[in-house]
Structures are given as C-alpha cells and as structure tokens.
C-alpha cells in the first residue's frame, strides 16, 4: 500500500495520494488543473481508475490468476471481469482519441496515476493490442524523462 507522510501526517490510498499531491503541489507546476471543469474531469478519471476499472481488474485477477486456490475461484466471474476490463480499456481508448493526454494536451498527474495502472495490467498480460489510442498515450507517458529515469533505476 502506498503511503506518503507529509507534515507528519500519513496519507494512503493511491487515488487519495494522487489527488492530494496534485492539489498541493501540481497546480503551480502545471501538473494538475486549477479549480474548474478540467479539474473535475481529472478527479473523475482518478476515481474511475480506482473504482470502475479496478473493480473489473479485481474480478478478473481474483478468479483467473493463480493468487488464490483454484477451489476459491469462479472462472465465469473471472471471464466476465476480463470482458469488463476490456470494455473499460475501450472506454479509455475512445476518450483518448484525438488527445495527447487524459485531460487534454498537457501531461498531468492523472496520466501518472492511470499509466501506472496500465503498466501493472501489462504485467498481468492483459492484451492491449486493440487499444490504439491507449498504446499511443502510454508511449507518450513512458517517453517522459522522469519515467525513463525511474524505470532505468528500477532495472539497475
């Protein structure tokens, strides 16, 4: 579980951390929209990723990945979760058509949040081939210098 301690106060949950860090440090650095409809969109995408998308991932992984005993799994529920996961990625793909990043033409911490989840899904061997716009967006996110540095140090 990710935790950040800021001013002596522990903060947790990835969506809460993203929103807190974005509001506290991101606006002045151009990494998060100022209050208004763009911020509302940004918040909606962070919550969507941790509620709607993650719920489908959870059903898929809980029932089809080898993390739980087979007798505790439900293959039909896992397949439905996988199908719903595909629908969610299709929704994101359609949203990204004609956009550079999730909230428009500028990279934000929303992209960091969603891209980390997309990386994890690739680790789970989710097929991203049908999602042209998600793949192009992911490539843009992965080309950012900070991402390149972090990934290089992680392999290092």
Protein backbone atom coordinates (compact mmCIF):
# COMPACT_ATOMS: atom_id res chain seq x y z
CA UNK A 1 0.00 0.00 0.00
CA UNK A 2 1.48 3.35 -0.96
CA UNK A 3 1.93 5.79 1.91
CA UNK A 4 3.22 9.36 1.96
CA UNK A 5 3.96 11.20 5.18
CA UNK A 6 3.53 14.94 4.68
CA UNK A 7 3.93 17.39 7.53
CA UNK A 8 3.97 14.40 9.89
CA UNK A 9 0.61 13.08 8.68
CA UNK A 10 0.45 9.67 6.98
CA UNK A 11 -1.67 9.61 3.83
CA UNK A 12 -2.61 6.44 1.94
CA UNK A 13 -4.71 5.03 -0.92
CA UNK A 14 -3.39 5.72 -4.39
CA UNK A 15 -6.33 7.84 -5.56
CA UNK A 16 -6.21 9.98 -2.42
CA UNK A 17 -2.45 10.38 -2.77
CA UNK A 18 -2.72 11.40 -6.40
CA UNK A 19 -5.43 13.96 -5.67
CA UNK A 20 -3.67 15.30 -2.56
CA UNK A 21 -0.29 15.65 -4.25
CA UNK A 22 -1.91 17.11 -7.36
CA UNK A 23 -3.85 19.74 -5.44
CA UNK A 24 -1.00 20.53 -3.05
CA UNK A 25 1.92 20.67 -5.49
CA UNK A 26 0.65 20.05 -9.02
CA UNK A 27 -1.30 23.18 -9.93
CA UNK A 28 1.62 25.61 -9.63
CA UNK A 29 3.86 23.20 -11.56
CA UNK A 30 1.36 22.74 -14.37
CA UNK A 31 0.75 19.10 -13.49
CA UNK A 32 -2.88 19.45 -12.39
CA UNK A 33 -5.72 21.72 -13.48
CA UNK A 34 -6.78 24.70 -11.41
CA UNK A 35 -10.29 24.52 -9.92
CA UNK A 36 -12.91 24.24 -12.62
CA UNK A 37 -14.29 21.70 -15.05
CA UNK A 38 -10.86 20.42 -16.14
CA UNK A 39 -10.13 19.60 -12.50
CA UNK A 40 -13.49 17.87 -12.24
CA UNK A 41 -12.54 15.73 -15.25
CA UNK A 42 -9.17 14.97 -13.70
CA UNK A 43 -10.78 13.87 -10.45
CA UNK A 44 -13.33 11.74 -12.32
CA UNK A 45 -10.59 9.83 -14.16
CA UNK A 46 -8.63 9.13 -10.97
CA UNK A 47 -11.77 7.87 -9.23
CA UNK A 48 -12.84 5.88 -12.33
CA UNK A 49 -9.49 4.12 -12.39
CA UNK A 50 -9.71 3.13 -8.73
CA UNK A 51 -13.39 2.22 -8.74
CA UNK A 52 -14.70 1.09 -12.13
CA UNK A 53 -11.52 -0.14 -13.80
CA UNK A 54 -10.00 -1.60 -10.66
CA UNK A 55 -13.20 -3.46 -9.79
CA UNK A 56 -13.12 -5.24 -13.16
CA UNK A 57 -9.41 -5.99 -12.68
CA UNK A 58 -10.13 -7.37 -9.21
CA UNK A 59 -12.81 -9.76 -10.50
CA UNK A 60 -10.52 -10.91 -13.31
CA UNK A 61 -7.43 -11.36 -11.14
CA UNK A 62 -9.25 -12.88 -8.15
CA UNK A 63 -10.81 -15.58 -10.28
CA UNK A 64 -8.30 -16.28 -13.05
CA UNK A 65 -4.84 -15.53 -11.67
CA UNK A 66 -3.00 -18.14 -9.58
CA UNK A 67 -3.02 -15.93 -6.49
CA UNK A 68 -5.89 -17.80 -4.85
CA UNK A 69 -6.61 -21.51 -4.53
CA UNK A 70 -8.49 -22.88 -7.53
CA UNK A 71 -11.37 -24.06 -5.36
CA UNK A 72 -11.94 -20.44 -4.29
CA UNK A 73 -12.09 -19.16 -7.85
CA UNK A 74 -15.04 -18.74 -10.18
CA UNK A 75 -13.92 -18.94 -13.80
CA UNK A 76 -17.16 -17.46 -15.15
CA UNK A 77 -16.83 -14.44 -12.84
CA UNK A 78 -13.19 -14.07 -13.89
CA UNK A 79 -14.07 -14.12 -17.58
CA UNK A 80 -16.79 -11.53 -17.02
CA UNK A 81 -14.28 -9.38 -15.13
CA UNK A 82 -11.84 -9.75 -18.05
CA UNK A 83 -14.56 -8.73 -20.52
CA UNK A 84 -15.48 -5.73 -18.36
CA UNK A 85 -11.81 -4.81 -18.14
CA UNK A 86 -11.71 -4.80 -21.95
CA UNK A 87 -14.78 -2.54 -22.02
CA UNK A 88 -13.08 -0.16 -19.58
CA UNK A 89 -9.95 -0.02 -21.69
CA UNK A 90 -12.16 0.57 -24.73
CA UNK A 91 -13.80 3.48 -22.90
CA UNK A 92 -10.39 4.97 -22.11
CA UNK A 93 -9.26 4.32 -25.69
CA UNK A 94 -12.27 6.20 -27.10
CA UNK A 95 -11.65 9.07 -24.68
CA UNK A 96 -8.01 9.36 -25.77
CA UNK A 97 -8.86 9.59 -29.49
CA UNK A 98 -7.58 12.97 -30.64
CA UNK A 99 -6.00 13.76 -27.26
CA UNK A 100 -2.39 13.71 -26.20
CA UNK A 101 -3.18 13.03 -22.56
CA UNK A 102 -6.18 12.16 -20.40
CA UNK A 103 -7.19 15.72 -19.53
CA UNK A 104 -6.19 17.27 -22.86
CA UNK A 105 -2.90 18.26 -24.42
CA UNK A 106 -0.88 18.63 -21.22
CA UNK A 107 0.53 15.78 -19.13
CA UNK A 108 -0.91 15.74 -15.61
CA UNK A 109 -0.63 13.60 -12.52
CA UNK A 110 -3.81 11.89 -13.77
CA UNK A 111 -1.69 10.42 -16.56
CA UNK A 112 0.85 9.25 -13.98
CA UNK A 113 -1.92 7.57 -11.99
CA UNK A 114 -3.59 5.83 -14.93
CA UNK A 115 -0.34 4.92 -16.66
CA UNK A 116 0.95 3.13 -13.57
CA UNK A 117 -2.23 1.05 -13.58
CA UNK A 118 -1.82 0.34 -17.31
CA UNK A 119 1.76 -0.80 -16.66
CA UNK A 120 0.51 -3.19 -14.00
CA UNK A 121 -2.15 -4.55 -16.36
CA UNK A 122 0.54 -5.22 -18.95
CA UNK A 123 2.44 -7.11 -16.26
CA UNK A 124 -0.72 -9.22 -15.81
CA UNK A 125 -0.53 -9.99 -19.56
CA UNK A 126 -3.67 -8.05 -20.48
CA UNK A 127 -3.80 -7.70 -24.26
CA UNK A 128 -3.53 -4.01 -25.20
CA UNK A 129 -3.39 -4.66 -28.96
CA UNK A 130 -6.99 -3.49 -29.59
CA UNK A 131 -6.42 -0.14 -27.89
CA UNK A 132 -4.52 2.02 -30.37
CA UNK A 133 -5.07 5.31 -28.53
CA UNK A 134 -4.20 3.84 -25.13
CA UNK A 135 -0.98 2.43 -26.58
CA UNK A 136 -0.01 5.76 -28.17
CA UNK A 137 -0.79 7.59 -24.91
CA UNK A 138 1.22 5.01 -22.93
CA UNK A 139 4.17 5.53 -25.25
CA UNK A 140 3.98 9.29 -24.65
CA UNK A 141 3.84 8.73 -20.88
CA UNK A 142 6.75 6.25 -20.98
CA UNK A 143 8.88 8.68 -23.01
CA UNK A 144 8.81 11.31 -20.29
CA UNK A 145 12.31 11.81 -18.84
CA UNK A 146 11.28 11.17 -15.23
CA UNK A 147 9.63 7.86 -16.20
CA UNK A 148 12.69 6.82 -18.19
CA UNK A 149 14.97 7.60 -15.20
CA UNK A 150 12.78 5.72 -12.72
CA UNK A 151 12.46 2.67 -14.95
CA UNK A 152 16.22 2.64 -15.61
CA UNK A 153 17.00 2.80 -11.88
CA UNK A 154 14.47 0.04 -11.15
CA UNK A 155 16.21 -2.27 -13.59
CA UNK A 156 19.50 -1.29 -12.40
